[in-house]
Amino acid sequence: MTTLIQEKIAQAVEILNEQKIDAWLTFVRETSASGDPVLPLIYGHDLTWQSALIITSKGESFAILGHYEAETARQLNAYTTVIPYHEGIRGELLHTLERISPGKIAINYSKNDVHADGLSYGLYQVLLDYLEDTPWENRLVSAEKIMGALRSRKTREEVTRIR
């Protein structure tokens, strides 16, 4: 049986291709304190350590998260690759970006839509520090249109729940 999270990730891949975006990076920390509004659709649980959920236009999906949270991510059966880390996310994040080599990377900020503006300014600065002197530091774009489409298009499971 396909879950809502699996359906939404598959739908996100379609949207990325429509919008010609190579990867969508949702970067979060301590989500019980200030969660990203898209997490219920693409993960469904809180995350504690810095975590990166990456969905690519090629259909790959990565959950890079603290090692204590890896089993929950695996049980979702929604991410093609679960990458736990022990001391810091930077190395695993950069290695993953190197592996997928994205041109455009959408991140969760928006000037217009609060539901697409989950990346705090402080965490944005952390992300920029991680990406400094890499090919990806100047490839970041807003995920506003991706998130708007993902919220407005209902999957089979969402239609069932609405009914």
N, C-alpha and C. Protein backbone atom coordinates (compact mmCIF):
# COMPACT_ATOMS: atom_id res chain seq x y z
N MET A 1 0.84 -1.19 0.00
CA MET A 1 0.00 0.00 0.00
C MET A 1 0.88 1.25 0.00
N THR A 2 0.55 2.18 -0.85
CA THR A 2 1.29 3.43 -0.93
C THR A 2 0.76 4.41 0.12
N THR A 3 1.67 5.07 0.80
CA THR A 3 1.27 6.03 1.82
C THR A 3 1.21 7.44 1.23
N LEU A 4 0.60 8.33 1.98
CA LEU A 4 0.51 9.73 1.55
C LEU A 4 1.91 10.30 1.32
N ILE A 5 2.86 10.03 2.20
CA ILE A 5 4.22 10.54 2.05
C ILE A 5 4.83 10.05 0.73
N GLN A 6 4.67 8.77 0.44
CA GLN A 6 5.19 8.21 -0.82
C GLN A 6 4.53 8.87 -2.02
N GLU A 7 3.22 9.07 -1.95
CA GLU A 7 2.51 9.72 -3.05
C GLU A 7 2.99 11.15 -3.26
N LYS A 8 3.19 11.88 -2.17
CA LYS A 8 3.60 13.28 -2.29
C LYS A 8 5.03 13.40 -2.80
N ILE A 9 5.89 12.48 -2.43
CA ILE A 9 7.26 12.52 -2.95
C ILE A 9 7.24 12.22 -4.45
N ALA A 10 6.46 11.24 -4.87
CA ALA A 10 6.34 10.95 -6.31
C ALA A 10 5.76 12.15 -7.05
N GLN A 11 4.80 12.80 -6.44
CA GLN A 11 4.20 13.99 -7.05
C GLN A 11 5.22 15.12 -7.14
N ALA A 12 6.06 15.25 -6.12
CA ALA A 12 7.09 16.29 -6.12
C ALA A 12 8.07 16.09 -7.28
N VAL A 13 8.39 14.84 -7.58
CA VAL A 13 9.29 14.54 -8.71
C VAL A 13 8.67 15.08 -10.01
N GLU A 14 7.38 14.84 -10.21
CA GLU A 14 6.69 15.35 -11.40
C GLU A 14 6.75 16.88 -11.45
N ILE A 15 6.51 17.51 -10.33
CA ILE A 15 6.51 18.98 -10.26
C ILE A 15 7.91 19.53 -10.54
N LEU A 16 8.94 18.89 -10.00
CA LEU A 16 10.31 19.33 -10.27
C LEU A 16 10.61 19.28 -11.77
N ASN A 17 10.16 18.23 -12.42
CA ASN A 17 10.38 18.12 -13.86
C ASN A 17 9.62 19.19 -14.63
N GLU A 18 8.37 19.45 -14.23
CA GLU A 18 7.57 20.50 -14.88
C GLU A 18 8.26 21.86 -14.75
N GLN A 19 8.84 22.12 -13.60
CA GLN A 19 9.41 23.43 -13.32
C GLN A 19 10.90 23.51 -13.64
N LYS A 20 11.44 22.42 -14.16
CA LYS A 20 12.85 22.37 -14.55
C LYS A 20 13.79 22.72 -13.40
N ILE A 21 13.50 22.10 -12.27
CA ILE A 21 14.33 22.21 -11.07
C ILE A 21 14.97 20.84 -10.85
N ASP A 22 16.26 20.81 -10.61
CA ASP A 22 16.96 19.53 -10.48
C ASP A 22 16.78 18.86 -9.12
N ALA A 23 16.72 19.67 -8.07
CA ALA A 23 16.60 19.10 -6.73
C ALA A 23 15.86 20.07 -5.82
N TRP A 24 15.15 19.49 -4.87
CA TRP A 24 14.46 20.27 -3.84
C TRP A 24 15.04 19.84 -2.51
N LEU A 25 15.59 20.79 -1.78
CA LEU A 25 16.23 20.55 -0.50
C LEU A 25 15.41 21.19 0.61
N THR A 26 14.90 20.36 1.50
CA THR A 26 14.23 20.86 2.69
C THR A 26 15.21 20.66 3.84
N PHE A 27 15.68 21.77 4.40
CA PHE A 27 16.71 21.76 5.43
C PHE A 27 16.07 22.23 6.73
N VAL A 28 16.13 21.40 7.77
CA VAL A 28 15.42 21.69 9.02
C VAL A 28 16.27 21.32 10.23
N ARG A 29 15.80 21.76 11.39
CA ARG A 29 16.35 21.34 12.69
C ARG A 29 15.27 21.55 13.74
N GLU A 30 15.32 20.76 14.79
CA GLU A 30 14.39 20.91 15.93
C GLU A 30 12.97 21.22 15.46
N THR A 31 12.39 20.33 14.68
CA THR A 31 11.11 20.66 14.05
C THR A 31 9.94 20.70 15.02
N SER A 32 10.07 20.12 16.21
CA SER A 32 8.98 20.24 17.17
C SER A 32 8.90 21.68 17.69
N ALA A 33 10.01 22.43 17.64
CA ALA A 33 10.04 23.81 18.08
C ALA A 33 9.61 24.77 16.97
N SER A 34 10.02 24.49 15.75
CA SER A 34 9.61 25.33 14.61
C SER A 34 9.72 24.51 13.34
N GLY A 35 8.66 23.82 13.04
CA GLY A 35 8.68 22.92 11.90
C GLY A 35 8.44 23.62 10.58
N ASP A 36 8.95 23.00 9.54
CA ASP A 36 8.70 23.49 8.18
C ASP A 36 7.29 23.05 7.80
N PRO A 37 6.47 23.95 7.25
CA PRO A 37 5.08 23.60 6.92
C PRO A 37 4.92 22.44 5.94
N VAL A 38 5.97 22.09 5.20
CA VAL A 38 5.85 21.00 4.22
C VAL A 38 6.15 19.63 4.84
N LEU A 39 6.72 19.59 6.02
CA LEU A 39 7.11 18.30 6.60
C LEU A 39 5.97 17.29 6.72
N PRO A 40 4.75 17.69 7.09
CA PRO A 40 3.68 16.69 7.15
C PRO A 40 3.43 15.99 5.81
N LEU A 41 3.76 16.65 4.71
CA LEU A 41 3.53 16.06 3.39
C LEU A 41 4.69 15.21 2.91
N ILE A 42 5.92 15.56 3.28
CA ILE A 42 7.06 14.82 2.74
C ILE A 42 7.84 14.01 3.78
N TYR A 43 7.45 14.10 5.06
CA TYR A 43 8.13 13.29 6.08
C TYR A 43 7.17 12.75 7.14
N GLY A 44 6.33 13.60 7.68
CA GLY A 44 5.30 13.14 8.60
C GLY A 44 5.71 12.98 10.04
N HIS A 45 6.94 13.31 10.39
CA HIS A 45 7.43 13.19 11.76
C HIS A 45 8.28 14.41 12.09
N ASP A 46 8.53 14.62 13.38
CA ASP A 46 9.47 15.65 13.79
C ASP A 46 10.89 15.16 13.56
N LEU A 47 11.80 16.09 13.40
CA LEU A 47 13.22 15.80 13.30
C LEU A 47 13.95 16.64 14.33
N THR A 48 14.99 16.10 14.92
CA THR A 48 15.68 16.79 16.00
C THR A 48 16.96 17.46 15.51
N TRP A 49 17.88 16.70 14.99
CA TRP A 49 19.14 17.25 14.52
C TRP A 49 18.93 17.94 13.19
N GLN A 50 19.95 18.67 12.74
CA GLN A 50 19.87 19.23 11.40
C GLN A 50 19.62 18.08 10.43
N SER A 51 18.66 18.27 9.55
CA SER A 51 18.28 17.22 8.61
C SER A 51 18.04 17.83 7.24
N ALA A 52 18.34 17.04 6.22
CA ALA A 52 18.12 17.47 4.84
C ALA A 52 17.32 16.40 4.12
N LEU A 53 16.18 16.79 3.59
CA LEU A 53 15.36 15.91 2.76
C LEU A 53 15.49 16.42 1.34
N ILE A 54 16.03 15.59 0.47
CA ILE A 54 16.30 16.01 -0.91
C ILE A 54 15.52 15.12 -1.86
N ILE A 55 14.78 15.75 -2.75
CA ILE A 55 14.04 15.04 -3.80
C ILE A 55 14.58 15.56 -5.13
N THR A 56 14.88 14.65 -6.04
CA THR A 56 15.44 15.07 -7.32
C THR A 56 14.45 14.85 -8.46
N SER A 57 14.69 15.55 -9.54
CA SER A 57 13.84 15.42 -10.72
C SER A 57 14.02 14.06 -11.39
N LYS A 58 15.06 13.34 -11.04
CA LYS A 58 15.30 11.99 -11.58
C LYS A 58 14.59 10.92 -10.77
N GLY A 59 13.93 11.32 -9.69
CA GLY A 59 13.18 10.36 -8.88
C GLY A 59 13.92 9.83 -7.68
N GLU A 60 15.11 10.31 -7.44
CA GLU A 60 15.84 9.90 -6.24
C GLU A 60 15.37 10.76 -5.07
N SER A 61 15.43 10.19 -3.88
CA SER A 61 15.09 10.96 -2.69
C SER A 61 16.02 10.54 -1.57
N PHE A 62 16.49 11.52 -0.83
CA PHE A 62 17.49 11.30 0.21
C PHE A 62 17.01 11.91 1.52
N ALA A 63 17.17 11.16 2.59
CA ALA A 63 16.93 11.68 3.93
C ALA A 63 18.28 11.62 4.66
N ILE A 64 18.85 12.79 4.90
CA ILE A 64 20.12 12.88 5.63
C ILE A 64 19.77 13.40 7.01
N LEU A 65 19.98 12.57 8.02
CA LEU A 65 19.52 12.93 9.35
C LEU A 65 20.36 12.27 10.43
N GLY A 66 20.17 12.74 11.65
CA GLY A 66 20.88 12.16 12.77
C GLY A 66 20.63 10.67 12.89
N HIS A 67 21.65 9.94 13.34
CA HIS A 67 21.57 8.48 13.34
C HIS A 67 20.42 7.93 14.18
N TYR A 68 20.00 8.63 15.20
CA TYR A 68 18.87 8.15 16.01
C TYR A 68 17.54 8.21 15.26
N GLU A 69 17.48 9.01 14.21
CA GLU A 69 16.24 9.18 13.45
C GLU A 69 16.20 8.36 12.16
N ALA A 70 17.27 7.66 11.87
CA ALA A 70 17.38 6.92 10.61
C ALA A 70 16.35 5.80 10.50
N GLU A 71 16.08 5.10 11.56
CA GLU A 71 15.14 3.97 11.48
C GLU A 71 13.73 4.46 11.14
N THR A 72 13.32 5.57 11.71
CA THR A 72 12.01 6.13 11.37
C THR A 72 11.95 6.45 9.87
N ALA A 73 13.01 7.05 9.35
CA ALA A 73 13.05 7.37 7.92
C ALA A 73 12.99 6.11 7.07
N ARG A 74 13.71 5.07 7.49
CA ARG A 74 13.67 3.81 6.73
C ARG A 74 12.27 3.20 6.73
N GLN A 75 11.60 3.25 7.86
CA GLN A 75 10.27 2.65 7.98
C GLN A 75 9.24 3.38 7.12
N LEU A 76 9.48 4.63 6.78
CA LEU A 76 8.58 5.35 5.89
C LEU A 76 8.54 4.71 4.51
N ASN A 77 9.64 4.10 4.13
CA ASN A 77 9.77 3.50 2.81
C ASN A 77 9.43 4.50 1.70
N ALA A 78 9.83 5.73 1.94
CA ALA A 78 9.53 6.80 0.99
C ALA A 78 10.79 7.40 0.38
N TYR A 79 11.91 7.27 1.06
CA TYR A 79 13.17 7.83 0.57
C TYR A 79 14.04 6.71 0.03
N THR A 80 14.57 6.91 -1.18
CA THR A 80 15.37 5.86 -1.80
C THR A 80 16.68 5.65 -1.06
N THR A 81 17.18 6.69 -0.40
CA THR A 81 18.43 6.59 0.34
C THR A 81 18.29 7.30 1.68
N VAL A 82 18.57 6.59 2.75
CA VAL A 82 18.59 7.17 4.10
C VAL A 82 20.05 7.21 4.53
N ILE A 83 20.52 8.41 4.87
CA ILE A 83 21.92 8.61 5.23
C ILE A 83 21.99 9.15 6.66
N PRO A 84 22.32 8.30 7.62
CA PRO A 84 22.47 8.78 8.99
C PRO A 84 23.86 9.40 9.20
N TYR A 85 23.93 10.39 10.07
CA TYR A 85 25.24 10.95 10.42
C TYR A 85 25.37 10.97 11.93
N HIS A 86 26.63 11.07 12.39
CA HIS A 86 26.90 11.02 13.82
C HIS A 86 27.40 12.36 14.38
N GLU A 87 28.22 13.07 13.64
CA GLU A 87 28.84 14.26 14.20
C GLU A 87 28.43 15.56 13.54
N GLY A 88 28.01 15.53 12.32
CA GLY A 88 27.61 16.75 11.63
C GLY A 88 27.11 16.42 10.24
N ILE A 89 26.17 17.21 9.76
CA ILE A 89 25.52 16.92 8.48
C ILE A 89 26.32 17.42 7.28
N ARG A 90 27.18 18.38 7.46
CA ARG A 90 27.83 19.04 6.33
C ARG A 90 28.47 18.07 5.34
N GLY A 91 29.29 17.16 5.82
CA GLY A 91 29.99 16.23 4.94
C GLY A 91 29.03 15.37 4.13
N GLU A 92 28.01 14.83 4.77
CA GLU A 92 27.04 13.98 4.07
C GLU A 92 26.21 14.79 3.08
N LEU A 93 25.86 16.01 3.46
CA LEU A 93 25.10 16.88 2.56
C LEU A 93 25.91 17.20 1.31
N LEU A 94 27.16 17.60 1.49
CA LEU A 94 27.99 17.94 0.34
C LEU A 94 28.28 16.72 -0.53
N HIS A 95 28.50 15.58 0.09
CA HIS A 95 28.73 14.35 -0.67
C HIS A 95 27.50 14.01 -1.52
N THR A 96 26.32 14.16 -0.94
CA THR A 96 25.08 13.86 -1.67
C THR A 96 24.89 14.84 -2.82
N LEU A 97 25.12 16.11 -2.58
CA LEU A 97 25.00 17.10 -3.66
C LEU A 97 26.01 16.81 -4.77
N GLU A 98 27.20 16.41 -4.39
CA GLU A 98 28.21 16.04 -5.39
C GLU A 98 27.73 14.85 -6.22
N ARG A 99 27.12 13.90 -5.55
CA ARG A 99 26.62 12.70 -6.23
C ARG A 99 25.53 13.04 -7.26
N ILE A 100 24.59 13.92 -6.87
CA ILE A 100 23.47 14.21 -7.78
C ILE A 100 23.75 15.38 -8.70
N SER A 101 24.72 16.21 -8.36
CA SER A 101 25.18 17.33 -9.19
C SER A 101 24.04 18.17 -9.77
N PRO A 102 23.22 18.77 -8.90
CA PRO A 102 22.07 19.54 -9.40
C PRO A 102 22.47 20.90 -9.95
N GLY A 103 21.74 21.34 -10.98
CA GLY A 103 21.90 22.69 -11.50
C GLY A 103 21.18 23.67 -10.60
N LYS A 104 19.85 23.55 -10.55
CA LYS A 104 19.03 24.40 -9.69
C LYS A 104 18.60 23.59 -8.47
N ILE A 105 18.72 24.23 -7.30
CA ILE A 105 18.32 23.61 -6.04
C ILE A 105 17.26 24.50 -5.39
N ALA A 106 16.06 24.01 -5.28
CA ALA A 106 14.99 24.77 -4.63
C ALA A 106 15.08 24.56 -3.12
N ILE A 107 14.96 25.66 -2.38
CA ILE A 107 14.93 25.58 -0.92
C ILE A 107 13.69 26.30 -0.41
N ASN A 108 13.29 26.00 0.81
CA ASN A 108 12.00 26.43 1.34
C ASN A 108 12.01 27.84 1.91
N TYR A 109 12.06 28.79 0.99
CA TYR A 109 11.84 30.18 1.38
C TYR A 109 10.86 30.80 0.39
N SER A 110 10.14 31.80 0.87
CA SER A 110 9.18 32.48 0.02
C SER A 110 8.93 33.88 0.55
N LYS A 111 8.85 34.83 -0.35
CA LYS A 111 8.47 36.19 0.02
C LYS A 111 6.96 36.34 0.12
N ASN A 112 6.21 35.39 -0.48
CA ASN A 112 4.77 35.56 -0.63
C ASN A 112 3.90 34.54 0.09
N ASP A 113 4.42 33.36 0.36
CA ASP A 113 3.57 32.28 0.87
C ASP A 113 4.15 31.70 2.16
N VAL A 114 3.47 31.94 3.26
CA VAL A 114 3.94 31.47 4.56
C VAL A 114 4.06 29.94 4.59
N HIS A 115 3.26 29.24 3.80
CA HIS A 115 3.31 27.78 3.76
C HIS A 115 4.52 27.26 2.97
N ALA A 116 5.25 28.16 2.34
CA ALA A 116 6.44 27.78 1.58
C ALA A 116 7.70 28.44 2.17
N ASP A 117 7.58 28.97 3.38
CA ASP A 117 8.66 29.75 3.99
C ASP A 117 9.12 29.12 5.29
N GLY A 118 9.48 27.84 5.23
CA GLY A 118 9.84 27.12 6.44
C GLY A 118 11.28 27.24 6.87
N LEU A 119 12.16 27.70 6.00
CA LEU A 119 13.58 27.81 6.33
C LEU A 119 13.82 29.11 7.07
N SER A 120 14.23 29.00 8.34
CA SER A 120 14.49 30.22 9.11
C SER A 120 15.73 30.93 8.56
N TYR A 121 15.84 32.20 8.86
CA TYR A 121 16.99 32.97 8.37
C TYR A 121 18.30 32.42 8.94
N GLY A 122 18.27 32.06 10.21
CA GLY A 122 19.47 31.51 10.84
C GLY A 122 19.91 30.21 10.19
N LEU A 123 18.95 29.32 9.92
CA LEU A 123 19.29 28.04 9.30
C LEU A 123 19.70 28.25 7.85
N TYR A 124 19.14 29.25 7.19
CA TYR A 124 19.56 29.62 5.84
C TYR A 124 21.04 30.02 5.86
N GLN A 125 21.43 30.79 6.86
CA GLN A 125 22.83 31.19 6.99
C GLN A 125 23.73 29.97 7.21
N VAL A 126 23.28 29.02 8.02
CA VAL A 126 24.04 27.78 8.23
C VAL A 126 24.21 27.04 6.90
N LEU A 127 23.13 26.94 6.14
CA LEU A 127 23.18 26.26 4.84
C LEU A 127 24.18 26.97 3.91
N LEU A 128 24.13 28.29 3.88
CA LEU A 128 25.07 29.04 3.04
C LEU A 128 26.51 28.78 3.48
N ASP A 129 26.74 28.70 4.78
CA ASP A 129 28.09 28.38 5.28
C ASP A 129 28.53 27.00 4.79
N TYR A 130 27.63 26.03 4.84
CA TYR A 130 27.96 24.68 4.37
C TYR A 130 28.28 24.67 2.88
N LEU A 131 27.58 25.49 2.11
CA LEU A 131 27.73 25.49 0.66
C LEU A 131 28.82 26.45 0.16
N GLU A 132 29.43 27.19 1.07
CA GLU A 132 30.45 28.16 0.68
C GLU A 132 31.58 27.48 -0.08
N ASP A 133 32.00 28.11 -1.15
CA ASP A 133 33.08 27.61 -2.01
C ASP A 133 32.76 26.27 -2.67
N THR A 134 31.48 26.02 -2.90
CA THR A 134 31.05 24.83 -3.65
C THR A 134 30.32 25.30 -4.90
N PRO A 135 30.11 24.42 -5.85
CA PRO A 135 29.35 24.83 -7.05
C PRO A 135 27.88 25.15 -6.74
N TRP A 136 27.38 24.75 -5.58
CA TRP A 136 25.95 24.87 -5.29
C TRP A 136 25.57 26.15 -4.58
N GLU A 137 26.53 26.91 -4.11
CA GLU A 137 26.17 28.10 -3.33
C GLU A 137 25.40 29.14 -4.13
N ASN A 138 25.56 29.16 -5.44
CA ASN A 138 24.85 30.14 -6.27
C ASN A 138 23.73 29.51 -7.09
N ARG A 139 23.29 28.32 -6.73
CA ARG A 139 22.26 27.62 -7.49
C ARG A 139 20.93 27.52 -6.74
N LEU A 140 20.81 28.24 -5.64
CA LEU A 140 19.62 28.15 -4.81
C LEU A 140 18.51 29.04 -5.35
N VAL A 141 17.29 28.48 -5.41
CA VAL A 141 16.10 29.22 -5.82
C VAL A 141 14.98 28.89 -4.84
N SER A 142 13.92 29.67 -4.87
CA SER A 142 12.78 29.44 -3.99
C SER A 142 12.00 28.19 -4.41
N ALA A 143 11.55 27.44 -3.42
CA ALA A 143 10.69 26.27 -3.66
C ALA A 143 9.21 26.65 -3.60
N GLU A 144 8.90 27.93 -3.59
CA GLU A 144 7.52 28.40 -3.45
C GLU A 144 6.57 27.75 -4.46
N LYS A 145 6.93 27.71 -5.72
CA LYS A 145 6.03 27.15 -6.74
C LYS A 145 5.90 25.63 -6.60
N ILE A 146 6.96 24.99 -6.20
CA ILE A 146 6.91 23.53 -5.97
C ILE A 146 5.93 23.24 -4.84
N MET A 147 6.10 23.95 -3.75
CA MET A 147 5.26 23.70 -2.57
C MET A 147 3.81 24.08 -2.83
N GLY A 148 3.59 25.15 -3.59
CA GLY A 148 2.22 25.53 -3.93
C GLY A 148 1.54 24.44 -4.75
N ALA A 149 2.25 23.92 -5.73
CA ALA A 149 1.70 22.85 -6.55
C ALA A 149 1.48 21.58 -5.73
N LEU A 150 2.42 21.27 -4.86
CA LEU A 150 2.31 20.05 -4.04
C LEU A 150 1.11 20.12 -3.11
N ARG A 151 0.85 21.29 -2.57
CA ARG A 151 -0.30 21.45 -1.67
C ARG A 151 -1.63 21.44 -2.43
N SER A 152 -1.64 22.00 -3.61
CA SER A 152 -2.92 22.13 -4.32
C SER A 152 -3.33 20.88 -5.08
N ARG A 153 -2.40 20.07 -5.50
CA ARG A 153 -2.73 18.85 -6.24
C ARG A 153 -2.95 17.70 -5.26
N LYS A 154 -4.11 17.15 -5.31
CA LYS A 154 -4.46 16.10 -4.36
C LYS A 154 -4.15 14.72 -4.93
N THR A 155 -3.52 13.91 -4.11
CA THR A 155 -3.22 12.53 -4.49
C THR A 155 -4.44 11.66 -4.20
N ARG A 156 -4.37 10.43 -4.63
CA ARG A 156 -5.46 9.49 -4.37
C ARG A 156 -5.74 9.36 -2.86
N GLU A 157 -4.69 9.26 -2.07
CA GLU A 157 -4.86 9.15 -0.62
C GLU A 157 -5.49 10.41 -0.03
N GLU A 158 -5.09 11.57 -0.51
CA GLU A 158 -5.69 12.81 -0.01
C GLU A 158 -7.17 12.89 -0.35
N VAL A 159 -7.52 12.50 -1.57
CA VAL A 159 -8.93 12.51 -1.98
C VAL A 159 -9.72 11.57 -1.08
N THR A 160 -9.17 10.40 -0.81
CA THR A 160 -9.84 9.44 0.08
C THR A 160 -10.05 10.06 1.46
N ARG A 161 -9.03 10.70 1.99
CA ARG A 161 -9.15 11.32 3.32
C ARG A 161 -10.15 12.46 3.34
N ILE A 162 -10.21 13.22 2.25
CA ILE A 162 -11.18 14.33 2.17
C ILE A 162 -12.60 13.79 2.16
N ARG A 163 -12.82 12.74 1.38
CA ARG A 163 -14.16 12.15 1.31
C ARG A 163 -14.56 11.58 2.65
